[in-house]
Amino acid sequence: MEKSRNPIAQKLLESFTQFHRLNWRQSPIVGLKSSEIMLLFCIKRTVKSDSVGIKVSDISSALKVASPTVTQLINGLETSGFVERTMDQEDRRAVRVNLTDKGKRTLEKVSDVFYNSFDGLVEYLGEEESSKLAELLSKVFTYFNETRKENF
């Protein structure tokens, strides 16, 4: 006999499933994968303007993916002119990665697309509901993050 499910829990599950169908992982910039955009944002967030760049291993740690995966992404981004690699002057074995001007301009476009989308959501829901939604989603994240740690 099948276990009876809480109808509210079922409704929440269905709501979250709908987001999967939206294909949110699709890149807002034609020709770039979402993983490449995440890597570009990681570089932007980590590298200061006076910095020599970030090491592949540091990107790998920040994104929680293997270094060979990061290297492949960087190869494609470098070929397309979004990033550049330089030799680390203090450790010749290490390579540093920086955004190019093209990479910076592209991230500005991506940021505009995302922020415009969420500005539209705030306009659609209203400020009060939007604020409540943000608060609830933060609680949802905390809940799943804590239960995930307990289950693994």
C-alpha atoms as a PDB file:
ATOM      1  CA  MET A   1       0.000   0.000   0.000  1.00  0.00           C
ATOM      2  CA  GLU A   2       1.365   3.417  -0.985  1.00  0.00           C
ATOM      3  CA  LYS A   3       2.132   5.894   1.768  1.00  0.00           C
ATOM      4  CA  SER A   4      -0.268   8.840   1.951  1.00  0.00           C
ATOM      5  CA  ARG A   5       1.476  12.125   1.085  1.00  0.00           C
ATOM      6  CA  ASN A   6       0.973  15.531   2.634  1.00  0.00           C
ATOM      7  CA  PRO A   7      -0.929  17.521  -0.041  1.00  0.00           C
ATOM      8  CA  ILE A   8       0.966  20.725   0.779  1.00  0.00           C
ATOM      9  CA  ALA A   9       4.313  18.926   0.440  1.00  0.00           C
ATOM     10  CA  GLN A  10       3.094  17.514  -2.893  1.00  0.00           C
ATOM     11  CA  LYS A  11       2.107  21.027  -4.055  1.00  0.00           C
ATOM     12  CA  LEU A  12       5.576  22.364  -3.084  1.00  0.00           C
ATOM     13  CA  LEU A  13       7.281  19.536  -4.959  1.00  0.00           C
ATOM     14  CA  GLU A  14       5.201  20.260  -8.059  1.00  0.00           C
ATOM     15  CA  SER A  15       6.033  23.974  -7.803  1.00  0.00           C
ATOM     16  CA  PHE A  16       9.771  23.298  -7.612  1.00  0.00           C
ATOM     17  CA  THR A  17       9.504  20.818 -10.495  1.00  0.00           C
ATOM     18  CA  GLN A  18       8.013  23.546 -12.695  1.00  0.00           C
ATOM     19  CA  PHE A  19      11.229  25.563 -12.388  1.00  0.00           C
ATOM     20  CA  HIS A  20      13.185  22.662 -13.825  1.00  0.00           C
ATOM     21  CA  ARG A  21      10.968  22.798 -16.903  1.00  0.00           C
ATOM     22  CA  LEU A  22      11.812  26.469 -17.441  1.00  0.00           C
ATOM     23  CA  ASN A  23      15.323  25.469 -18.554  1.00  0.00           C
ATOM     24  CA  TRP A  24      16.931  28.179 -16.392  1.00  0.00           C
ATOM     25  CA  ARG A  25      20.359  26.758 -17.087  1.00  0.00           C
ATOM     26  CA  GLN A  26      20.135  27.969 -20.665  1.00  0.00           C
ATOM     27  CA  SER A  27      22.567  30.800 -21.263  1.00  0.00           C
ATOM     28  CA  PRO A  28      21.178  34.290 -21.900  1.00  0.00           C
ATOM     29  CA  ILE A  29      24.090  34.899 -24.308  1.00  0.00           C
ATOM     30  CA  VAL A  30      24.100  32.892 -27.525  1.00  0.00           C
ATOM     31  CA  GLY A  31      27.313  30.931 -27.958  1.00  0.00           C
ATOM     32  CA  LEU A  32      28.128  30.681 -24.247  1.00  0.00           C
ATOM     33  CA  LYS A  33      27.143  27.794 -21.996  1.00  0.00           C
ATOM     34  CA  SER A  34      25.857  28.493 -18.494  1.00  0.00           C
ATOM     35  CA  SER A  35      28.958  26.758 -17.091  1.00  0.00           C
ATOM     36  CA  GLU A  36      31.166  29.219 -18.994  1.00  0.00           C
ATOM     37  CA  ILE A  37      29.196  32.164 -17.655  1.00  0.00           C
ATOM     38  CA  MET A  38      29.524  30.804 -14.111  1.00  0.00           C
ATOM     39  CA  LEU A  39      33.287  30.544 -14.634  1.00  0.00           C
ATOM     40  CA  LEU A  40      33.464  34.132 -15.918  1.00  0.00           C
ATOM     41  CA  PHE A  41      31.508  35.365 -12.888  1.00  0.00           C
ATOM     42  CA  CYS A  42      33.831  33.383 -10.606  1.00  0.00           C
ATOM     43  CA  ILE A  43      36.842  35.132 -12.136  1.00  0.00           C
ATOM     44  CA  LYS A  44      35.179  38.541 -11.881  1.00  0.00           C
ATOM     45  CA  ARG A  45      34.184  37.991  -8.255  1.00  0.00           C
ATOM     46  CA  THR A  46      37.612  36.692  -7.230  1.00  0.00           C
ATOM     47  CA  VAL A  47      40.101  38.773  -9.211  1.00  0.00           C
ATOM     48  CA  LYS A  48      40.675  42.347  -8.085  1.00  0.00           C
ATOM     49  CA  SER A  49      41.627  44.999 -10.643  1.00  0.00           C
ATOM     50  CA  ASP A  50      45.237  45.131  -9.446  1.00  0.00           C
ATOM     51  CA  SER A  51      45.545  41.341  -9.232  1.00  0.00           C
ATOM     52  CA  VAL A  52      47.640  39.080 -11.443  1.00  0.00           C
ATOM     53  CA  GLY A  53      44.656  36.745 -11.922  1.00  0.00           C
ATOM     54  CA  ILE A  54      43.356  33.542 -10.431  1.00  0.00           C
ATOM     55  CA  LYS A  55      44.832  30.057 -10.596  1.00  0.00           C
ATOM     56  CA  VAL A  56      42.882  27.235 -12.237  1.00  0.00           C
ATOM     57  CA  SER A  57      42.971  25.303  -8.957  1.00  0.00           C
ATOM     58  CA  ASP A  58      41.342  28.245  -7.150  1.00  0.00           C
ATOM     59  CA  ILE A  59      38.574  28.416  -9.771  1.00  0.00           C
ATOM     60  CA  SER A  60      38.159  24.683  -9.418  1.00  0.00           C
ATOM     61  CA  SER A  61      37.745  24.975  -5.643  1.00  0.00           C
ATOM     62  CA  ALA A  62      35.344  27.904  -5.880  1.00  0.00           C
ATOM     63  CA  LEU A  63      33.089  26.150  -8.405  1.00  0.00           C
ATOM     64  CA  LYS A  64      33.525  22.706  -6.817  1.00  0.00           C
ATOM     65  CA  VAL A  65      34.491  21.048 -10.098  1.00  0.00           C
ATOM     66  CA  ALA A  66      37.614  19.178 -11.209  1.00  0.00           C
ATOM     67  CA  SER A  67      40.570  21.145 -12.575  1.00  0.00           C
ATOM     68  CA  PRO A  68      40.470  19.375 -15.975  1.00  0.00           C
ATOM     69  CA  THR A  69      36.872  20.574 -16.383  1.00  0.00           C
ATOM     70  CA  VAL A  70      37.902  24.146 -15.588  1.00  0.00           C
ATOM     71  CA  THR A  71      40.850  23.876 -17.974  1.00  0.00           C
ATOM     72  CA  GLN A  72      38.536  22.779 -20.815  1.00  0.00           C
ATOM     73  CA  LEU A  73      36.188  25.689 -20.145  1.00  0.00           C
ATOM     74  CA  ILE A  74      39.093  28.134 -20.020  1.00  0.00           C
ATOM     75  CA  ASN A  75      40.465  26.771 -23.308  1.00  0.00           C
ATOM     76  CA  GLY A  76      37.183  27.547 -25.048  1.00  0.00           C
ATOM     77  CA  LEU A  77      36.818  30.943 -23.385  1.00  0.00           C
ATOM     78  CA  GLU A  78      40.380  31.876 -24.286  1.00  0.00           C
ATOM     79  CA  THR A  79      39.861  30.841 -27.916  1.00  0.00           C
ATOM     80  CA  SER A  80      36.737  33.047 -28.004  1.00  0.00           C
ATOM     81  CA  GLY A  81      38.598  35.966 -26.437  1.00  0.00           C
ATOM     82  CA  PHE A  82      36.775  36.117 -23.081  1.00  0.00           C
ATOM     83  CA  VAL A  83      39.772  35.279 -20.871  1.00  0.00           C
ATOM     84  CA  GLU A  84      43.536  35.388 -21.083  1.00  0.00           C
ATOM     85  CA  ARG A  85      46.184  33.306 -19.363  1.00  0.00           C
ATOM     86  CA  THR A  86      49.488  34.580 -18.056  1.00  0.00           C
ATOM     87  CA  MET A  87      52.416  32.867 -16.412  1.00  0.00           C
ATOM     88  CA  ASP A  88      52.673  33.417 -12.651  1.00  0.00           C
ATOM     89  CA  GLN A  89      55.869  35.415 -12.074  1.00  0.00           C
ATOM     90  CA  GLU A  90      56.445  33.910  -8.612  1.00  0.00           C
ATOM     91  CA  ASP A  91      55.619  30.300  -9.503  1.00  0.00           C
ATOM     92  CA  ARG A  92      56.435  29.466 -13.121  1.00  0.00           C
ATOM     93  CA  ARG A  93      54.419  26.239 -12.879  1.00  0.00           C
ATOM     94  CA  ALA A  94      51.229  28.179 -12.203  1.00  0.00           C
ATOM     95  CA  VAL A  95      49.056  29.950 -14.744  1.00  0.00           C
ATOM     96  CA  ARG A  96      46.836  32.907 -13.882  1.00  0.00           C
ATOM     97  CA  VAL A  97      43.532  33.628 -15.604  1.00  0.00           C
ATOM     98  CA  ASN A  98      41.984  37.070 -16.118  1.00  0.00           C
ATOM     99  CA  LEU A  99      38.966  38.448 -17.943  1.00  0.00           C
ATOM    100  CA  THR A 100      39.575  40.312 -21.168  1.00  0.00           C
ATOM    101  CA  ASP A 101      37.657  43.477 -22.030  1.00  0.00           C
ATOM    102  CA  LYS A 102      35.345  41.302 -24.130  1.00  0.00           C
ATOM    103  CA  GLY A 103      34.758  39.043 -21.114  1.00  0.00           C
ATOM    104  CA  LYS A 104      33.959  42.033 -18.901  1.00  0.00           C
ATOM    105  CA  ARG A 105      31.525  43.495 -21.457  1.00  0.00           C
ATOM    106  CA  THR A 106      29.806  40.123 -21.832  1.00  0.00           C
ATOM    107  CA  LEU A 107      29.340  39.805 -18.071  1.00  0.00           C
ATOM    108  CA  GLU A 108      27.771  43.268 -18.000  1.00  0.00           C
ATOM    109  CA  LYS A 109      25.245  42.110 -20.625  1.00  0.00           C
ATOM    110  CA  VAL A 110      24.516  38.905 -18.702  1.00  0.00           C
ATOM    111  CA  SER A 111      24.081  40.858 -15.452  1.00  0.00           C
ATOM    112  CA  ASP A 112      21.674  43.239 -17.188  1.00  0.00           C
ATOM    113  CA  VAL A 113      19.582  40.313 -18.467  1.00  0.00           C
ATOM    114  CA  PHE A 114      19.395  38.705 -15.016  1.00  0.00           C
ATOM    115  CA  TYR A 115      18.660  41.923 -13.133  1.00  0.00           C
ATOM    116  CA  ASN A 116      16.044  43.025 -15.667  1.00  0.00           C
ATOM    117  CA  SER A 117      14.363  39.659 -15.277  1.00  0.00           C
ATOM    118  CA  PHE A 118      14.219  39.958 -11.495  1.00  0.00           C
ATOM    119  CA  ASP A 119      13.198  43.626 -11.677  1.00  0.00           C
ATOM    120  CA  GLY A 120      10.274  42.391 -13.756  1.00  0.00           C
ATOM    121  CA  LEU A 121       9.464  39.779 -11.117  1.00  0.00           C
ATOM    122  CA  VAL A 122       9.422  42.447  -8.392  1.00  0.00           C
ATOM    123  CA  GLU A 123       7.121  44.563 -10.548  1.00  0.00           C
ATOM    124  CA  TYR A 124       4.871  41.540 -11.154  1.00  0.00           C
ATOM    125  CA  LEU A 125       4.690  40.395  -7.495  1.00  0.00           C
ATOM    126  CA  GLY A 126       5.031  43.751  -5.790  1.00  0.00           C
ATOM    127  CA  GLU A 127       7.715  44.672  -3.286  1.00  0.00           C
ATOM    128  CA  GLU A 128       6.060  43.117  -0.233  1.00  0.00           C
ATOM    129  CA  GLU A 129       5.489  39.700  -1.821  1.00  0.00           C
ATOM    130  CA  SER A 130       8.922  39.800  -3.461  1.00  0.00           C
ATOM    131  CA  SER A 131      10.574  40.478  -0.117  1.00  0.00           C
ATOM    132  CA  LYS A 132       8.604  37.653   1.507  1.00  0.00           C
ATOM    133  CA  LEU A 133       9.522  35.311  -1.360  1.00  0.00           C
ATOM    134  CA  ALA A 134      13.220  36.115  -0.942  1.00  0.00           C
ATOM    135  CA  GLU A 135      12.941  35.443   2.794  1.00  0.00           C
ATOM    136  CA  LEU A 136      11.142  32.138   2.223  1.00  0.00           C
ATOM    137  CA  LEU A 137      13.578  30.984  -0.446  1.00  0.00           C
ATOM    138  CA  SER A 138      16.449  31.716   1.921  1.00  0.00           C
ATOM    139  CA  LYS A 139      14.765  29.528   4.543  1.00  0.00           C
ATOM    140  CA  VAL A 140      14.185  26.804   1.931  1.00  0.00           C
ATOM    141  CA  PHE A 141      17.868  26.854   1.037  1.00  0.00           C
ATOM    142  CA  THR A 142      18.870  26.646   4.711  1.00  0.00           C
ATOM    143  CA  TYR A 143      16.504  23.728   5.280  1.00  0.00           C
ATOM    144  CA  PHE A 144      17.723  21.690   2.312  1.00  0.00           C
ATOM    145  CA  ASN A 145      21.355  22.547   2.989  1.00  0.00           C
ATOM    146  CA  GLU A 146      21.068  21.358   6.610  1.00  0.00           C
ATOM    147  CA  THR A 147      19.106  18.196   5.799  1.00  0.00           C
ATOM    148  CA  ARG A 148      21.527  17.347   2.999  1.00  0.00           C
ATOM    149  CA  LYS A 149      24.402  17.471   5.484  1.00  0.00           C
ATOM    150  CA  GLU A 150      22.479  15.212   7.871  1.00  0.00           C
ATOM    151  CA  ASN A 151      21.700  12.654   5.146  1.00  0.00           C
ATOM    152  CA  PHE A 152      25.219  12.349   3.757  1.00  0.00           C
END
